[in-house]
Amino acid sequence: MGKRSVNARIFAGPTAVVRSIGLSVCRYFKGEFIKYWIAFTFVLFILLSAGCTNISIRTAVEIDAPKEQVYTVLADLDSYPKWNPYHRKVEGEFKEGEKLKIYVSRPDGKKVEVPPHMIRIVENEEITWGGGVKGIFYGVHTFKLQSSEQGKTVLRHNEDFSGIAVGFADLPPDVIAEGYHQMNMALKALVEGNK
């Protein structure tokens, strides 16, 4: 009986090895699957807990001056420290594609430095800067000028933030909108005072 047992074990040996390898492979892939499942769940949790992936700020002001006059002030980046309470200083050349450095003073007292580039300049109509990594965090800041009745100008001062990291960024929409409103009113006072 002892020999039969031994022979049975010897015969079963290759099958046991194959079974053992098969189980090891299954365990390995099961382990890998679990690792990937945990990673996927973690990323999904982060994305969902971010709360939002877009923030849009919309402000507007009517200025009693032609849009050419308003544009001239907005395009003079060097003059910002003299009148702009929000964008306290802008370094860089006023030219599409150029890198800028903007020093922001928010109404809540926080000071921020932003490194956008000039995206679009349409004389007397639009100035747009922005930057970041699309899909992760990207911001586009726009000044659009429209003529209204009796030679007045409507300034639409907007910003759009997008990307999966927006929900984690310190971007309180009410504070930013208040900063834009303060800038709009300072611009209005300056331009209308120079009529």
Protein backbone atom coordinates (compact mmCIF):
# COMPACT_ATOMS: atom_id res chain seq x y z
CA MET A 1 0.00 0.00 0.00
CA GLY A 2 2.87 2.29 0.75
CA LYS A 3 4.24 1.95 -2.78
CA ARG A 4 0.91 2.70 -4.36
CA SER A 5 0.66 5.87 -2.31
CA VAL A 6 4.08 6.94 -3.33
CA ASN A 7 3.36 6.18 -6.96
CA ALA A 8 0.07 8.04 -6.74
CA ARG A 9 1.89 11.05 -5.37
CA ILE A 10 4.55 10.89 -8.04
CA PHE A 11 1.88 10.63 -10.74
CA ALA A 12 -0.14 13.43 -9.19
CA GLY A 13 2.97 15.58 -8.89
CA PRO A 14 2.83 17.31 -12.31
CA THR A 15 -0.90 17.90 -11.92
CA ALA A 16 -0.34 19.37 -8.50
CA VAL A 17 2.39 21.61 -9.88
CA VAL A 18 0.11 22.83 -12.67
CA ARG A 19 -2.70 23.35 -10.19
CA SER A 20 -0.32 25.17 -7.85
CA ILE A 21 0.93 27.41 -10.66
CA GLY A 22 -2.65 28.05 -11.77
CA LEU A 23 -3.67 29.03 -8.25
CA SER A 24 -0.62 31.27 -7.93
CA VAL A 25 -1.44 32.99 -11.23
CA CYS A 26 -5.05 33.45 -10.14
CA ARG A 27 -3.94 34.82 -6.79
CA TYR A 28 -1.48 37.16 -8.55
CA PHE A 29 -4.09 38.54 -10.93
CA LYS A 30 -6.65 38.68 -8.19
CA GLY A 31 -4.13 40.70 -6.17
CA GLU A 32 -3.44 42.95 -9.15
CA PHE A 33 -7.16 43.37 -9.76
CA ILE A 34 -7.65 44.34 -6.14
CA LYS A 35 -4.79 46.86 -6.38
CA TYR A 36 -6.26 48.42 -9.52
CA TRP A 37 -9.76 48.38 -8.04
CA ILE A 38 -8.51 50.19 -4.92
CA ALA A 39 -6.64 52.75 -7.07
CA PHE A 40 -9.69 53.30 -9.28
CA THR A 41 -11.97 53.69 -6.26
CA PHE A 42 -9.55 56.16 -4.66
CA VAL A 43 -9.33 58.30 -7.81
CA LEU A 44 -13.12 58.20 -8.21
CA PHE A 45 -13.55 59.24 -4.58
CA ILE A 46 -11.15 62.16 -5.04
CA LEU A 47 -12.95 63.30 -8.18
CA LEU A 48 -16.36 63.08 -6.58
CA SER A 49 -15.27 64.71 -3.34
CA ALA A 50 -13.77 67.62 -5.22
CA GLY A 51 -17.30 68.95 -5.41
CA CYS A 52 -17.08 70.75 -8.70
CA THR A 53 -14.96 70.92 -11.78
CA ASN A 54 -16.04 74.36 -13.01
CA ILE A 55 -16.42 77.80 -11.47
CA SER A 56 -17.66 80.75 -13.51
CA ILE A 57 -17.51 84.36 -12.33
CA ARG A 58 -19.62 86.92 -14.21
CA THR A 59 -19.58 90.66 -13.56
CA ALA A 60 -20.49 93.69 -15.66
CA VAL A 61 -20.50 97.46 -15.43
CA GLU A 62 -21.66 100.25 -17.70
CA ILE A 63 -19.11 103.04 -18.16
CA ASP A 64 -20.06 106.45 -19.52
CA ALA A 65 -17.26 106.56 -22.10
CA PRO A 66 -16.55 105.06 -25.53
CA LYS A 67 -15.05 101.57 -25.52
CA GLU A 68 -11.80 102.85 -27.08
CA GLN A 69 -11.18 104.92 -23.96
CA VAL A 70 -11.97 101.98 -21.62
CA TYR A 71 -9.77 99.65 -23.67
CA THR A 72 -6.84 102.08 -23.50
CA VAL A 73 -6.90 101.96 -19.69
CA LEU A 74 -7.29 98.16 -19.54
CA ALA A 75 -4.47 97.65 -22.06
CA ASP A 76 -2.05 99.82 -20.04
CA LEU A 77 -0.84 97.08 -17.69
CA ASP A 78 1.80 99.38 -16.18
CA SER A 79 -0.92 101.70 -14.85
CA TYR A 80 -2.72 99.01 -12.82
CA PRO A 81 -0.99 99.80 -9.50
CA LYS A 82 -2.34 103.37 -9.71
CA TRP A 83 -6.02 102.47 -9.91
CA ASN A 84 -6.71 98.70 -9.78
CA PRO A 85 -7.57 97.37 -6.29
CA TYR A 86 -7.70 93.73 -7.39
CA HIS A 87 -4.96 93.22 -9.99
CA ARG A 88 -2.46 95.29 -8.02
CA LYS A 89 0.37 94.75 -10.48
CA VAL A 90 0.81 93.03 -13.85
CA GLU A 91 4.26 92.21 -15.17
CA GLY A 92 4.81 91.23 -18.78
CA GLU A 93 4.35 92.48 -22.29
CA PHE A 94 0.89 93.28 -23.66
CA LYS A 95 1.14 90.85 -26.56
CA GLU A 96 -0.60 87.57 -27.42
CA GLY A 97 1.34 84.54 -26.23
CA GLU A 98 3.42 86.50 -23.71
CA LYS A 99 3.82 85.25 -20.16
CA LEU A 100 2.47 87.48 -17.40
CA LYS A 101 2.82 87.64 -13.65
CA ILE A 102 -0.22 89.08 -11.91
CA TYR A 103 -0.29 90.13 -8.28
CA VAL A 104 -3.83 89.83 -6.92
CA SER A 105 -5.13 91.43 -3.73
CA ARG A 106 -8.42 89.73 -2.85
CA PRO A 107 -11.12 91.47 -0.77
CA ASP A 108 -10.62 88.85 1.97
CA GLY A 109 -7.04 90.08 2.42
CA LYS A 110 -5.33 87.17 0.69
CA LYS A 111 -2.47 88.02 -1.69
CA VAL A 112 -2.00 85.73 -4.69
CA GLU A 113 0.51 85.60 -7.54
CA VAL A 114 -0.80 84.18 -10.81
CA PRO A 115 1.38 83.24 -13.85
CA PRO A 116 -0.95 83.26 -16.90
CA HIS A 117 -0.15 84.08 -20.51
CA MET A 118 -1.92 86.48 -22.82
CA ILE A 119 -4.37 84.38 -24.84
CA ARG A 120 -6.22 86.91 -26.99
CA ILE A 121 -6.17 90.64 -27.72
CA VAL A 122 -8.81 92.18 -29.97
CA GLU A 123 -8.27 95.93 -30.02
CA ASN A 124 -11.13 97.87 -28.39
CA GLU A 125 -13.10 94.64 -27.84
CA GLU A 126 -11.36 91.96 -25.77
CA ILE A 127 -8.41 91.17 -23.53
CA THR A 128 -8.08 87.55 -22.36
CA TRP A 129 -5.37 85.93 -20.28
CA GLY A 130 -5.24 82.52 -18.67
CA GLY A 131 -3.29 79.39 -18.03
CA GLY A 132 -2.81 76.15 -16.21
CA VAL A 133 -3.13 72.55 -17.33
CA LYS A 134 -6.37 71.78 -19.16
CA GLY A 135 -8.33 69.04 -17.46
CA ILE A 136 -6.45 69.49 -14.19
CA PHE A 137 -6.72 73.23 -13.45
CA TYR A 138 -7.21 75.93 -16.06
CA GLY A 139 -8.40 79.51 -15.75
CA VAL A 140 -9.46 82.03 -18.42
CA HIS A 141 -9.89 85.70 -17.42
CA THR A 142 -11.69 87.92 -19.92
CA PHE A 143 -12.50 91.60 -20.36
CA LYS A 144 -15.05 92.12 -23.15
CA LEU A 145 -16.18 95.57 -24.23
CA GLN A 146 -19.46 96.34 -25.98
CA SER A 147 -20.76 99.70 -27.08
CA SER A 148 -24.13 100.62 -25.63
CA GLU A 149 -26.50 103.49 -26.28
CA GLN A 150 -25.27 107.08 -26.25
CA GLY A 151 -21.60 106.15 -26.59
CA LYS A 152 -21.38 104.22 -23.33
CA THR A 153 -19.50 100.93 -22.84
CA VAL A 154 -20.51 97.72 -21.11
CA LEU A 155 -17.54 95.90 -19.64
CA ARG A 156 -18.09 92.18 -19.09
CA HIS A 157 -15.41 91.04 -16.66
CA ASN A 158 -15.49 87.23 -16.44
CA GLU A 159 -13.45 84.24 -15.37
CA ASP A 160 -13.90 80.51 -15.94
CA PHE A 161 -12.00 77.91 -13.93
CA SER A 162 -12.14 74.26 -15.01
CA GLY A 163 -10.49 70.93 -14.23
CA ILE A 164 -10.56 68.22 -11.61
CA ALA A 165 -8.48 70.25 -9.12
CA VAL A 166 -10.83 73.25 -9.09
CA GLY A 167 -12.82 71.85 -6.16
CA PHE A 168 -9.65 71.79 -4.05
CA ALA A 169 -8.44 75.30 -4.96
CA ASP A 170 -8.96 78.36 -2.77
CA LEU A 171 -11.39 80.06 -5.17
CA PRO A 172 -14.36 81.44 -3.23
CA PRO A 173 -16.63 82.73 -6.03
CA ASP A 174 -18.23 85.45 -3.87
CA VAL A 175 -14.82 86.85 -2.88
CA ILE A 176 -13.51 86.80 -6.45
CA ALA A 177 -16.73 88.38 -7.79
CA GLU A 178 -16.44 91.13 -5.15
CA GLY A 179 -12.84 91.76 -6.23
CA TYR A 180 -13.92 92.06 -9.86
CA HIS A 181 -16.74 94.39 -8.86
CA GLN A 182 -14.26 96.60 -6.97
CA MET A 183 -11.99 96.68 -10.02
CA ASN A 184 -14.94 97.45 -12.32
CA MET A 185 -16.00 100.39 -10.13
CA ALA A 186 -12.45 101.73 -9.90
CA LEU A 187 -12.13 101.54 -13.69
CA LYS A 188 -15.49 103.29 -14.12
CA ALA A 189 -14.45 106.09 -11.72
CA LEU A 190 -11.09 106.54 -13.44
CA VAL A 191 -12.43 106.58 -17.00
CA GLU A 192 -15.46 108.76 -16.25
CA GLY A 193 -13.29 111.14 -14.21
CA ASN A 194 -11.00 111.64 -17.22
CA LYS A 195 -13.83 112.64 -19.59
